[in-house]
Amino acid sequence: MEVILRSDVEKLGLKGDVVDVKRGYARNYLLPRRLAEVATPGRVAEIRRVEADRARHEARSAEHAAEIAATLTKTVLRFEVKAGPTGALFGSVTPTDVAEELWRTRKIRVDRRKIDLDVIKRIGRYSIPVHVFEGVTAEVKTLVVPEGGELPPEEELAALETAERVEEEAAAAAHAEAVEATEAALAEDAVSAEPEPGVAPAAETETA
């Protein structure tokens, strides 16, 4: 079934995209979490009108693009987000977030599909390429900081990321060990349940 994404969904699409998904995935995941809505003809037409209106604000020539790129290069975006002790975000910063923040702070309209970013999942300092026009790209400095705090030095950020990676590897190793132990136990049970060679299984006794 076709749905309209209400938020960026990793590996599926960006906010406003019309995508075709399995009905169960839509009914059980996307719709209940308000990540998407059913793509009715009226809503699709409305989305198309909004996109056309936004496109009128985008770069219309190489000269116009150069002006926009110069502004973007001097821009520093800041996102305050909830993060865990190792710097991992509870959510993420997506291309749509960047596009909307550029419009809010600079009144520069950029197609979110032209923002060279998957998702940001950790606090840190980022430089995000934005394709303003054919042959014109600008790097937008972006700070993703913990809510109510500031970014630590780069060395500390690297240490936090390493600590998280070590935790993930340890958890993955523990899971693999548990699976291996379970499989070994099941195999041992199967072997013990087999009759010994040369020993016929006990016959059932009939009762009068």
N, C-alpha and C. Protein backbone atom coordinates (compact mmCIF):
# COMPACT_ATOMS: atom_id res chain seq x y z
N MET A 1 0.84 -1.19 0.00
CA MET A 1 0.00 0.00 0.00
C MET A 1 0.88 1.25 0.00
N GLU A 2 0.34 2.35 -0.51
CA GLU A 2 1.11 3.59 -0.58
C GLU A 2 0.82 4.46 0.65
N VAL A 3 1.91 5.01 1.22
CA VAL A 3 1.78 5.90 2.37
C VAL A 3 2.65 7.14 2.13
N ILE A 4 2.31 8.21 2.84
CA ILE A 4 3.12 9.43 2.81
C ILE A 4 3.88 9.50 4.12
N LEU A 5 5.20 9.59 4.06
CA LEU A 5 6.01 9.64 5.26
C LEU A 5 5.83 10.99 5.96
N ARG A 6 5.60 10.95 7.26
CA ARG A 6 5.46 12.17 8.05
C ARG A 6 6.76 12.56 8.72
N SER A 7 7.72 11.63 8.68
CA SER A 7 9.07 11.87 9.22
C SER A 7 10.05 11.12 8.33
N ASP A 8 11.33 11.47 8.44
CA ASP A 8 12.35 10.69 7.75
C ASP A 8 12.41 9.31 8.39
N VAL A 9 12.40 8.28 7.58
CA VAL A 9 12.50 6.90 8.08
C VAL A 9 13.71 6.27 7.41
N GLU A 10 14.69 5.90 8.22
CA GLU A 10 15.94 5.37 7.69
C GLU A 10 15.69 4.18 6.77
N LYS A 11 16.37 4.17 5.63
CA LYS A 11 16.31 3.10 4.63
C LYS A 11 14.95 2.99 3.95
N LEU A 12 14.07 3.99 4.17
CA LEU A 12 12.76 3.96 3.52
C LEU A 12 12.51 5.23 2.72
N GLY A 13 12.74 6.40 3.35
CA GLY A 13 12.52 7.65 2.63
C GLY A 13 12.53 8.85 3.54
N LEU A 14 12.28 10.01 2.94
CA LEU A 14 12.29 11.27 3.67
C LEU A 14 10.88 11.79 3.86
N LYS A 15 10.74 12.70 4.80
CA LYS A 15 9.44 13.30 5.09
C LYS A 15 8.81 13.84 3.80
N GLY A 16 7.55 13.47 3.57
CA GLY A 16 6.85 13.93 2.38
C GLY A 16 6.92 12.96 1.22
N ASP A 17 7.80 11.97 1.29
CA ASP A 17 7.91 10.99 0.20
C ASP A 17 6.67 10.09 0.19
N VAL A 18 6.23 9.72 -1.00
CA VAL A 18 5.17 8.73 -1.16
C VAL A 18 5.86 7.40 -1.46
N VAL A 19 5.69 6.42 -0.58
CA VAL A 19 6.38 5.15 -0.73
C VAL A 19 5.38 3.99 -0.70
N ASP A 20 5.75 2.91 -1.34
CA ASP A 20 4.92 1.70 -1.39
C ASP A 20 5.50 0.69 -0.41
N VAL A 21 4.72 0.30 0.58
CA VAL A 21 5.19 -0.62 1.61
C VAL A 21 4.19 -1.76 1.78
N LYS A 22 4.63 -2.79 2.46
CA LYS A 22 3.72 -3.90 2.75
C LYS A 22 2.65 -3.42 3.74
N ARG A 23 1.43 -3.92 3.55
CA ARG A 23 0.30 -3.47 4.37
C ARG A 23 0.56 -3.70 5.86
N GLY A 24 1.13 -4.87 6.20
CA GLY A 24 1.39 -5.17 7.61
C GLY A 24 2.38 -4.20 8.23
N TYR A 25 3.43 -3.84 7.47
CA TYR A 25 4.43 -2.89 7.96
C TYR A 25 3.80 -1.54 8.22
N ALA A 26 2.90 -1.14 7.31
CA ALA A 26 2.22 0.15 7.50
C ALA A 26 1.28 0.10 8.70
N ARG A 27 0.44 -0.93 8.77
CA ARG A 27 -0.57 -1.02 9.83
C ARG A 27 0.03 -1.23 11.22
N ASN A 28 1.11 -2.02 11.26
CA ASN A 28 1.67 -2.40 12.57
C ASN A 28 2.79 -1.49 13.06
N TYR A 29 3.40 -0.74 12.14
CA TYR A 29 4.56 0.06 12.56
C TYR A 29 4.43 1.54 12.16
N LEU A 30 4.34 1.82 10.88
CA LEU A 30 4.39 3.21 10.42
C LEU A 30 3.20 4.04 10.89
N LEU A 31 2.00 3.53 10.70
CA LEU A 31 0.80 4.30 11.04
C LEU A 31 0.62 4.48 12.55
N PRO A 32 0.75 3.41 13.37
CA PRO A 32 0.57 3.61 14.82
C PRO A 32 1.59 4.58 15.42
N ARG A 33 2.80 4.62 14.87
CA ARG A 33 3.83 5.52 15.40
C ARG A 33 3.79 6.91 14.74
N ARG A 34 2.77 7.12 13.92
CA ARG A 34 2.57 8.40 13.25
C ARG A 34 3.78 8.79 12.39
N LEU A 35 4.46 7.78 11.87
CA LEU A 35 5.58 8.02 10.96
C LEU A 35 5.09 8.19 9.52
N ALA A 36 3.83 7.81 9.28
CA ALA A 36 3.28 7.89 7.93
C ALA A 36 1.77 8.02 8.01
N GLU A 37 1.17 8.38 6.88
CA GLU A 37 -0.28 8.42 6.74
C GLU A 37 -0.65 7.79 5.41
N VAL A 38 -1.89 7.36 5.31
CA VAL A 38 -2.33 6.72 4.07
C VAL A 38 -2.29 7.75 2.94
N ALA A 39 -1.79 7.33 1.79
CA ALA A 39 -1.61 8.24 0.65
C ALA A 39 -2.91 8.34 -0.15
N THR A 40 -3.80 9.22 0.27
CA THR A 40 -5.01 9.48 -0.50
C THR A 40 -4.67 10.42 -1.65
N PRO A 41 -5.43 10.40 -2.74
CA PRO A 41 -5.16 11.30 -3.87
C PRO A 41 -5.11 12.77 -3.46
N GLY A 42 -6.01 13.17 -2.55
CA GLY A 42 -6.04 14.55 -2.11
C GLY A 42 -4.77 14.96 -1.39
N ARG A 43 -4.27 14.09 -0.50
CA ARG A 43 -3.06 14.40 0.28
C ARG A 43 -1.83 14.39 -0.63
N VAL A 44 -1.79 13.47 -1.58
CA VAL A 44 -0.65 13.43 -2.51
C VAL A 44 -0.60 14.72 -3.31
N ALA A 45 -1.75 15.18 -3.78
CA ALA A 45 -1.80 16.43 -4.55
C ALA A 45 -1.36 17.61 -3.70
N GLU A 46 -1.76 17.60 -2.44
CA GLU A 46 -1.37 18.69 -1.53
C GLU A 46 0.14 18.70 -1.31
N ILE A 47 0.74 17.51 -1.12
CA ILE A 47 2.19 17.39 -0.95
C ILE A 47 2.90 17.92 -2.18
N ARG A 48 2.40 17.58 -3.35
CA ARG A 48 3.02 18.05 -4.59
C ARG A 48 2.97 19.58 -4.69
N ARG A 49 1.86 20.18 -4.27
CA ARG A 49 1.74 21.64 -4.31
C ARG A 49 2.74 22.30 -3.37
N VAL A 50 2.90 21.72 -2.17
CA VAL A 50 3.86 22.26 -1.19
C VAL A 50 5.28 22.16 -1.73
N GLU A 51 5.63 21.02 -2.34
CA GLU A 51 6.97 20.85 -2.88
C GLU A 51 7.24 21.84 -4.02
N ALA A 52 6.23 22.08 -4.85
CA ALA A 52 6.40 23.03 -5.95
C ALA A 52 6.61 24.44 -5.41
N ASP A 53 5.89 24.78 -4.34
CA ASP A 53 6.05 26.11 -3.73
C ASP A 53 7.45 26.26 -3.14
N ARG A 54 7.93 25.21 -2.48
CA ARG A 54 9.27 25.26 -1.90
C ARG A 54 10.34 25.37 -2.98
N ALA A 55 10.13 24.69 -4.09
CA ALA A 55 11.12 24.70 -5.17
C ALA A 55 11.33 26.11 -5.71
N ARG A 56 10.29 26.95 -5.62
CA ARG A 56 10.43 28.32 -6.12
C ARG A 56 11.41 29.15 -5.30
N HIS A 57 11.68 28.68 -4.06
CA HIS A 57 12.63 29.40 -3.19
C HIS A 57 14.05 28.87 -3.33
N GLU A 58 14.24 27.79 -4.08
CA GLU A 58 15.57 27.21 -4.23
C GLU A 58 16.37 27.99 -5.28
N ALA A 59 17.67 27.66 -5.36
CA ALA A 59 18.55 28.34 -6.32
C ALA A 59 18.03 28.17 -7.74
N ARG A 60 17.99 29.29 -8.48
CA ARG A 60 17.45 29.27 -9.84
C ARG A 60 18.53 29.47 -10.90
N SER A 61 19.75 29.78 -10.47
CA SER A 61 20.85 29.98 -11.42
C SER A 61 22.16 29.74 -10.69
N ALA A 62 23.25 29.64 -11.46
CA ALA A 62 24.57 29.43 -10.85
C ALA A 62 24.95 30.61 -9.97
N GLU A 63 24.58 31.83 -10.40
CA GLU A 63 24.91 33.03 -9.61
C GLU A 63 24.14 33.03 -8.30
N HIS A 64 22.86 32.73 -8.40
CA HIS A 64 22.04 32.66 -7.18
C HIS A 64 22.56 31.57 -6.25
N ALA A 65 22.95 30.43 -6.83
CA ALA A 65 23.47 29.31 -6.03
C ALA A 65 24.76 29.70 -5.32
N ALA A 66 25.61 30.47 -6.00
CA ALA A 66 26.87 30.91 -5.38
C ALA A 66 26.61 31.78 -4.17
N GLU A 67 25.60 32.63 -4.25
CA GLU A 67 25.24 33.49 -3.10
C GLU A 67 24.74 32.63 -1.93
N ILE A 68 23.88 31.67 -2.27
CA ILE A 68 23.36 30.79 -1.21
C ILE A 68 24.50 29.98 -0.59
N ALA A 69 25.39 29.46 -1.42
CA ALA A 69 26.51 28.65 -0.92
C ALA A 69 27.40 29.47 0.01
N ALA A 70 27.61 30.74 -0.34
CA ALA A 70 28.45 31.59 0.51
C ALA A 70 27.81 31.76 1.89
N THR A 71 26.50 31.90 1.92
CA THR A 71 25.79 32.02 3.20
C THR A 71 25.85 30.72 3.98
N LEU A 72 25.64 29.61 3.29
CA LEU A 72 25.66 28.31 3.96
C LEU A 72 27.02 28.01 4.57
N THR A 73 28.09 28.39 3.87
CA THR A 73 29.44 28.14 4.36
C THR A 73 29.71 28.86 5.68
N LYS A 74 29.04 30.00 5.86
CA LYS A 74 29.22 30.77 7.11
C LYS A 74 28.21 30.38 8.19
N THR A 75 27.33 29.45 7.86
CA THR A 75 26.26 29.06 8.78
C THR A 75 26.73 27.95 9.72
N VAL A 76 26.31 28.06 10.97
CA VAL A 76 26.55 26.99 11.95
C VAL A 76 25.18 26.61 12.55
N LEU A 77 24.73 25.41 12.25
CA LEU A 77 23.48 24.93 12.81
C LEU A 77 23.74 24.27 14.16
N ARG A 78 22.76 24.37 15.03
CA ARG A 78 22.90 23.78 16.36
C ARG A 78 21.62 23.02 16.71
N PHE A 79 21.80 21.76 17.05
CA PHE A 79 20.68 20.92 17.47
C PHE A 79 20.93 20.45 18.90
N GLU A 80 20.00 20.74 19.80
CA GLU A 80 20.09 20.21 21.16
C GLU A 80 19.19 18.98 21.24
N VAL A 81 19.78 17.86 21.60
CA VAL A 81 19.06 16.58 21.55
C VAL A 81 19.30 15.78 22.84
N LYS A 82 18.39 14.87 23.11
CA LYS A 82 18.57 13.97 24.25
C LYS A 82 19.60 12.91 23.87
N ALA A 83 20.56 12.71 24.77
CA ALA A 83 21.63 11.75 24.48
C ALA A 83 21.97 10.96 25.73
N GLY A 84 22.49 9.76 25.53
CA GLY A 84 22.91 8.92 26.64
C GLY A 84 24.31 9.28 27.11
N PRO A 85 24.80 8.60 28.13
CA PRO A 85 26.11 8.92 28.71
C PRO A 85 27.28 8.73 27.76
N THR A 86 27.11 7.88 26.73
CA THR A 86 28.20 7.67 25.78
C THR A 86 28.08 8.57 24.55
N GLY A 87 27.07 9.45 24.55
CA GLY A 87 26.91 10.37 23.43
C GLY A 87 25.96 9.91 22.36
N ALA A 88 25.39 8.71 22.50
CA ALA A 88 24.43 8.22 21.52
C ALA A 88 23.10 8.94 21.70
N LEU A 89 22.49 9.34 20.58
CA LEU A 89 21.21 10.06 20.64
C LEU A 89 20.06 9.09 20.88
N PHE A 90 19.05 9.57 21.59
CA PHE A 90 17.84 8.77 21.75
C PHE A 90 17.00 8.81 20.47
N GLY A 91 17.21 9.84 19.66
CA GLY A 91 16.57 9.94 18.35
C GLY A 91 17.64 10.04 17.29
N SER A 92 17.48 10.99 16.38
CA SER A 92 18.49 11.22 15.36
C SER A 92 18.26 12.59 14.73
N VAL A 93 19.27 13.08 14.03
CA VAL A 93 19.15 14.30 13.25
C VAL A 93 19.18 13.88 11.79
N THR A 94 18.15 14.27 11.04
CA THR A 94 17.95 13.77 9.68
C THR A 94 18.09 14.90 8.64
N PRO A 95 18.14 14.54 7.36
CA PRO A 95 18.19 15.58 6.33
C PRO A 95 17.04 16.57 6.41
N THR A 96 15.85 16.08 6.75
CA THR A 96 14.71 16.98 6.88
C THR A 96 14.91 17.97 8.01
N ASP A 97 15.48 17.50 9.13
CA ASP A 97 15.78 18.40 10.25
C ASP A 97 16.71 19.52 9.81
N VAL A 98 17.74 19.16 9.04
CA VAL A 98 18.71 20.15 8.57
C VAL A 98 18.04 21.14 7.62
N ALA A 99 17.23 20.62 6.68
CA ALA A 99 16.55 21.50 5.72
C ALA A 99 15.61 22.48 6.43
N GLU A 100 14.86 21.97 7.41
CA GLU A 100 13.92 22.82 8.13
C GLU A 100 14.64 23.86 8.99
N GLU A 101 15.78 23.49 9.55
CA GLU A 101 16.54 24.45 10.37
C GLU A 101 17.18 25.52 9.50
N LEU A 102 17.61 25.17 8.30
CA LEU A 102 18.15 26.16 7.37
C LEU A 102 17.08 27.18 6.99
N TRP A 103 15.86 26.69 6.80
CA TRP A 103 14.77 27.61 6.46
C TRP A 103 14.41 28.49 7.66
N ARG A 104 14.39 27.88 8.85
CA ARG A 104 14.00 28.63 10.05
C ARG A 104 15.01 29.72 10.39
N THR A 105 16.30 29.38 10.29
CA THR A 105 17.33 30.32 10.73
C THR A 105 17.85 31.23 9.63
N ARG A 106 17.83 30.75 8.39
CA ARG A 106 18.43 31.53 7.30
C ARG A 106 17.45 31.87 6.18
N LYS A 107 16.26 31.29 6.26
CA LYS A 107 15.28 31.45 5.18
C LYS A 107 15.86 31.02 3.83
N ILE A 108 16.66 29.95 3.89
CA ILE A 108 17.22 29.34 2.68
C ILE A 108 16.52 28.00 2.48
N ARG A 109 15.92 27.84 1.32
CA ARG A 109 15.19 26.61 1.04
C ARG A 109 16.11 25.66 0.26
N VAL A 110 16.33 24.48 0.84
CA VAL A 110 17.17 23.45 0.20
C VAL A 110 16.37 22.16 0.16
N ASP A 111 16.34 21.53 -0.98
CA ASP A 111 15.69 20.23 -1.11
C ASP A 111 16.41 19.24 -0.20
N ARG A 112 15.67 18.62 0.70
CA ARG A 112 16.28 17.69 1.67
C ARG A 112 17.00 16.54 0.97
N ARG A 113 16.61 16.23 -0.26
CA ARG A 113 17.27 15.14 -1.01
C ARG A 113 18.66 15.56 -1.48
N LYS A 114 18.94 16.87 -1.41
CA LYS A 114 20.25 17.36 -1.84
C LYS A 114 21.19 17.57 -0.66
N ILE A 115 20.76 17.12 0.52
CA ILE A 115 21.61 17.19 1.72
C ILE A 115 22.28 15.83 1.88
N ASP A 116 23.60 15.80 1.78
CA ASP A 116 24.35 14.55 1.75
C ASP A 116 24.54 14.02 3.17
N LEU A 117 23.47 13.42 3.67
CA LEU A 117 23.46 12.93 5.05
C LEU A 117 22.49 11.78 5.15
N ASP A 118 22.90 10.71 5.84
CA ASP A 118 21.96 9.64 6.16
C ASP A 118 21.21 10.07 7.41
N VAL A 119 21.77 9.79 8.55
CA VAL A 119 21.25 10.32 9.82
C VAL A 119 22.43 10.51 10.76
N ILE A 120 22.27 11.42 11.71
CA ILE A 120 23.28 11.60 12.76
C ILE A 120 22.73 10.95 14.02
N LYS A 121 23.53 10.06 14.61
CA LYS A 121 23.06 9.31 15.77
C LYS A 121 23.91 9.56 17.02
N ARG A 122 24.89 10.49 16.90
CA ARG A 122 25.75 10.78 18.04
C ARG A 122 25.95 12.28 18.15
N ILE A 123 26.22 12.75 19.39
CA ILE A 123 26.60 14.15 19.54
C ILE A 123 27.94 14.36 18.85
N GLY A 124 28.20 15.59 18.45
CA GLY A 124 29.48 15.84 17.80
C GLY A 124 29.43 17.05 16.89
N ARG A 125 30.55 17.29 16.24
CA ARG A 125 30.68 18.39 15.28
C ARG A 125 30.71 17.79 13.88
N TYR A 126 29.86 18.28 13.02
CA TYR A 126 29.71 17.70 11.69
C TYR A 126 29.82 18.78 10.62
N SER A 127 30.27 18.37 9.45
CA SER A 127 30.29 19.25 8.28
C SER A 127 29.46 18.54 7.21
N ILE A 128 28.30 19.10 6.89
CA ILE A 128 27.34 18.42 6.04
C ILE A 128 27.32 19.04 4.64
N PRO A 129 27.63 18.26 3.60
CA PRO A 129 27.59 18.78 2.23
C PRO A 129 26.15 19.02 1.78
N VAL A 130 25.91 20.20 1.21
CA VAL A 130 24.60 20.54 0.66
C VAL A 130 24.79 20.89 -0.81
N HIS A 131 24.11 20.16 -1.69
CA HIS A 131 24.21 20.40 -3.13
C HIS A 131 23.19 21.48 -3.50
N VAL A 132 23.67 22.70 -3.61
CA VAL A 132 22.79 23.84 -3.84
C VAL A 132 22.30 23.90 -5.28
N PHE A 133 23.19 23.60 -6.20
CA PHE A 133 22.89 23.72 -7.62
C PHE A 133 23.89 22.84 -8.35
N GLU A 134 23.66 22.59 -9.62
CA GLU A 134 24.58 21.75 -10.37
C GLU A 134 25.99 22.37 -10.35
N GLY A 135 26.93 21.60 -9.76
CA GLY A 135 28.30 22.06 -9.66
C GLY A 135 28.57 22.99 -8.49
N VAL A 136 27.55 23.24 -7.65
CA VAL A 136 27.72 24.15 -6.49
C VAL A 136 27.35 23.40 -5.22
N THR A 137 28.33 23.17 -4.36
CA THR A 137 28.11 22.47 -3.09
C THR A 137 28.70 23.29 -1.96
N ALA A 138 28.01 23.33 -0.84
CA ALA A 138 28.50 24.06 0.34
C ALA A 138 28.52 23.12 1.54
N GLU A 139 29.49 23.32 2.42
CA GLU A 139 29.58 22.55 3.66
C GLU A 139 28.95 23.36 4.79
N VAL A 140 27.97 22.78 5.44
CA VAL A 140 27.29 23.46 6.55
C VAL A 140 27.77 22.86 7.86
N LYS A 141 28.40 23.68 8.69
CA LYS A 141 28.86 23.21 10.00
C LYS A 141 27.65 22.99 10.91
N THR A 142 27.64 21.87 11.57
CA THR A 142 26.50 21.49 12.39
C THR A 142 26.97 20.95 13.73
N LEU A 143 26.41 21.47 14.80
CA LEU A 143 26.72 21.01 16.15
C LEU A 143 25.52 20.25 16.70
N VAL A 144 25.76 19.02 17.11
CA VAL A 144 24.73 18.22 17.75
C VAL A 144 25.15 18.06 19.21
N VAL A 145 24.46 18.78 20.09
CA VAL A 145 24.90 18.88 21.48
C VAL A 145 23.88 18.22 22.41
N PRO A 146 24.34 17.71 23.56
CA PRO A 146 23.40 17.11 24.51
C PRO A 146 22.48 18.17 25.08
N GLU A 147 21.24 17.80 25.27
CA GLU A 147 20.24 18.74 25.77
C GLU A 147 20.68 19.39 27.08
N GLY A 148 20.70 20.72 27.10
CA GLY A 148 21.08 21.44 28.31
C GLY A 148 22.56 21.46 28.59
N GLY A 149 23.39 21.01 27.63
CA GLY A 149 24.83 20.96 27.87
C GLY A 149 25.61 21.51 26.69
N GLU A 150 26.89 21.22 26.70
CA GLU A 150 27.78 21.64 25.61
C GLU A 150 28.59 20.44 25.12
N LEU A 151 29.19 20.60 23.98
CA LEU A 151 30.01 19.52 23.43
C LEU A 151 31.34 19.43 24.15
N PRO A 152 31.77 18.21 24.52
CA PRO A 152 33.11 18.05 25.09
C PRO A 152 34.16 18.16 24.00
N PRO A 153 35.45 18.22 24.36
CA PRO A 153 36.52 18.26 23.36
C PRO A 153 36.50 17.01 22.47
N GLU A 154 37.14 17.12 21.30
CA GLU A 154 37.15 16.02 20.34
C GLU A 154 37.71 14.74 20.94
N GLU A 155 38.77 14.87 21.78
CA GLU A 155 39.37 13.68 22.38
C GLU A 155 38.36 12.92 23.24
N GLU A 156 37.55 13.68 23.98
CA GLU A 156 36.55 13.05 24.84
C GLU A 156 35.43 12.42 24.01
N LEU A 157 35.04 13.10 22.92
CA LEU A 157 34.03 12.53 22.03
C LEU A 157 34.50 11.20 21.45
N ALA A 158 35.79 11.17 21.05
CA ALA A 158 36.34 9.94 20.49
C ALA A 158 36.37 8.83 21.53
N ALA A 159 36.70 9.19 22.78
CA ALA A 159 36.74 8.20 23.86
C ALA A 159 35.34 7.65 24.13
N LEU A 160 34.32 8.53 24.10
CA LEU A 160 32.94 8.09 24.33
C LEU A 160 32.49 7.13 23.23
N GLU A 161 32.85 7.46 22.00
CA GLU A 161 32.46 6.59 20.88
C GLU A 161 33.14 5.23 20.98
N THR A 162 34.41 5.25 21.38
CA THR A 162 35.14 3.99 21.56
C THR A 162 34.51 3.16 22.67
N ALA A 163 34.15 3.81 23.77
CA ALA A 163 33.53 3.10 24.90
C ALA A 163 32.22 2.45 24.47
N GLU A 164 31.43 3.18 23.67
CA GLU A 164 30.16 2.62 23.20
C GLU A 164 30.40 1.44 22.28
N ARG A 165 31.40 1.55 21.41
CA ARG A 165 31.70 0.46 20.48
C ARG A 165 32.14 -0.79 21.25
N VAL A 166 32.95 -0.59 22.29
CA VAL A 166 33.41 -1.72 23.11
C VAL A 166 32.21 -2.39 23.78
N GLU A 167 31.26 -1.57 24.29
CA GLU A 167 30.07 -2.12 24.93
C GLU A 167 29.24 -2.93 23.92
N GLU A 168 29.09 -2.39 22.72
CA GLU A 168 28.31 -3.09 21.69
C GLU A 168 28.97 -4.41 21.30
N GLU A 169 30.31 -4.39 21.17
CA GLU A 169 31.02 -5.62 20.81
C GLU A 169 30.92 -6.66 21.91
N ALA A 170 30.99 -6.20 23.17
CA ALA A 170 30.87 -7.13 24.30
C ALA A 170 29.47 -7.73 24.35
N ALA A 171 28.45 -6.90 24.10
CA ALA A 171 27.07 -7.40 24.11
C ALA A 171 26.86 -8.39 22.97
N ALA A 172 27.43 -8.10 21.79
CA ALA A 172 27.29 -9.01 20.65
C ALA A 172 28.00 -10.33 20.94
N ALA A 173 29.18 -10.27 21.58
CA ALA A 173 29.92 -11.50 21.91
C ALA A 173 29.15 -12.33 22.93
N ALA A 174 28.56 -11.65 23.92
CA ALA A 174 27.79 -12.36 24.95
C ALA A 174 26.57 -13.03 24.32
N HIS A 175 25.93 -12.32 23.38
CA HIS A 175 24.76 -12.90 22.71
C HIS A 175 25.15 -14.12 21.90
N ALA A 176 26.26 -14.00 21.16
CA ALA A 176 26.72 -15.13 20.34
C ALA A 176 27.07 -16.32 21.23
N GLU A 177 27.70 -16.05 22.37
CA GLU A 177 28.06 -17.13 23.30
C GLU A 177 26.81 -17.81 23.86
N ALA A 178 25.79 -17.01 24.17
CA ALA A 178 24.56 -17.57 24.70
C ALA A 178 23.86 -18.43 23.66
N VAL A 179 23.85 -17.98 22.41
CA VAL A 179 23.24 -18.75 21.33
C VAL A 179 23.99 -20.06 21.13
N GLU A 180 25.32 -19.99 21.17
CA GLU A 180 26.14 -21.19 20.99
C GLU A 180 25.89 -22.19 22.11
N ALA A 181 25.79 -21.68 23.35
CA ALA A 181 25.55 -22.56 24.48
C ALA A 181 24.17 -23.22 24.38
N THR A 182 23.17 -22.46 23.93
CA THR A 182 21.83 -23.01 23.77
C THR A 182 21.81 -24.09 22.70
N GLU A 183 22.48 -23.83 21.57
CA GLU A 183 22.53 -24.82 20.49
C GLU A 183 23.25 -26.08 20.94
N ALA A 184 24.32 -25.91 21.72
CA ALA A 184 25.06 -27.07 22.22
C ALA A 184 24.20 -27.90 23.16
N ALA A 185 23.43 -27.21 24.02
CA ALA A 185 22.57 -27.93 24.97
C ALA A 185 21.47 -28.69 24.23
N LEU A 186 20.90 -28.06 23.20
CA LEU A 186 19.86 -28.73 22.42
C LEU A 186 20.42 -29.94 21.69
N ALA A 187 21.64 -29.81 21.15
CA ALA A 187 22.27 -30.94 20.46
C ALA A 187 22.54 -32.08 21.44
N GLU A 188 22.98 -31.74 22.64
CA GLU A 188 23.27 -32.77 23.66
C GLU A 188 21.99 -33.49 24.06
N ASP A 189 20.89 -32.74 24.20
CA ASP A 189 19.61 -33.35 24.56
C ASP A 189 19.15 -34.30 23.46
N ALA A 190 19.37 -33.89 22.19
CA ALA A 190 18.95 -34.73 21.07
C ALA A 190 19.73 -36.04 21.04
N VAL A 191 21.03 -35.95 21.34
CA VAL A 191 21.87 -37.15 21.34
C VAL A 191 21.46 -38.08 22.47
N SER A 192 21.21 -37.53 23.65
CA SER A 192 20.86 -38.38 24.80
C SER A 192 19.50 -39.03 24.62
N ALA A 193 18.65 -38.44 23.78
CA ALA A 193 17.32 -39.01 23.56
C ALA A 193 17.34 -40.16 22.56
N GLU A 194 18.44 -40.31 21.79
CA GLU A 194 18.53 -41.40 20.82
C GLU A 194 18.82 -42.71 21.53
N PRO A 195 18.22 -43.84 21.06
CA PRO A 195 18.49 -45.16 21.67
C PRO A 195 19.92 -45.60 21.39
N GLU A 196 20.49 -46.36 22.33
CA GLU A 196 21.85 -46.84 22.13
C GLU A 196 21.88 -47.86 21.00
N PRO A 197 22.98 -47.96 20.26
CA PRO A 197 23.09 -48.94 19.15
C PRO A 197 22.87 -50.36 19.65
N GLY A 198 22.05 -51.12 18.91
CA GLY A 198 21.81 -52.52 19.26
C GLY A 198 20.77 -52.70 20.34
N VAL A 199 20.23 -51.62 20.86
CA VAL A 199 19.22 -51.73 21.91
C VAL A 199 17.89 -51.31 21.32
N ALA A 200 16.96 -52.26 21.28
CA ALA A 200 15.65 -51.95 20.71
C ALA A 200 14.86 -51.15 21.72
N PRO A 201 14.04 -50.24 21.25
CA PRO A 201 13.20 -49.47 22.18
C PRO A 201 12.25 -50.40 22.91
N ALA A 202 11.99 -50.08 24.14
CA ALA A 202 11.12 -50.94 24.97
C ALA A 202 9.75 -51.02 24.36
N ALA A 203 9.22 -52.26 24.28
CA ALA A 203 7.89 -52.44 23.71
C ALA A 203 6.84 -52.04 24.72
N GLU A 204 5.74 -51.50 24.22
CA GLU A 204 4.66 -51.14 25.13
C GLU A 204 3.94 -52.39 25.57
N THR A 205 3.63 -52.49 26.84
CA THR A 205 2.92 -53.66 27.36
C THR A 205 1.43 -53.42 27.24
N GLU A 206 0.76 -54.50 26.78
CA GLU A 206 -0.68 -54.37 26.65
C GLU A 206 -1.33 -54.65 27.98
N THR A 207 -2.37 -53.96 28.23
CA THR A 207 -3.13 -54.18 29.46
C THR A 207 -4.43 -54.84 29.13
N ALA A 208 -4.84 -55.74 29.98
CA ALA A 208 -6.09 -56.48 29.72
C ALA A 208 -7.25 -55.55 29.87
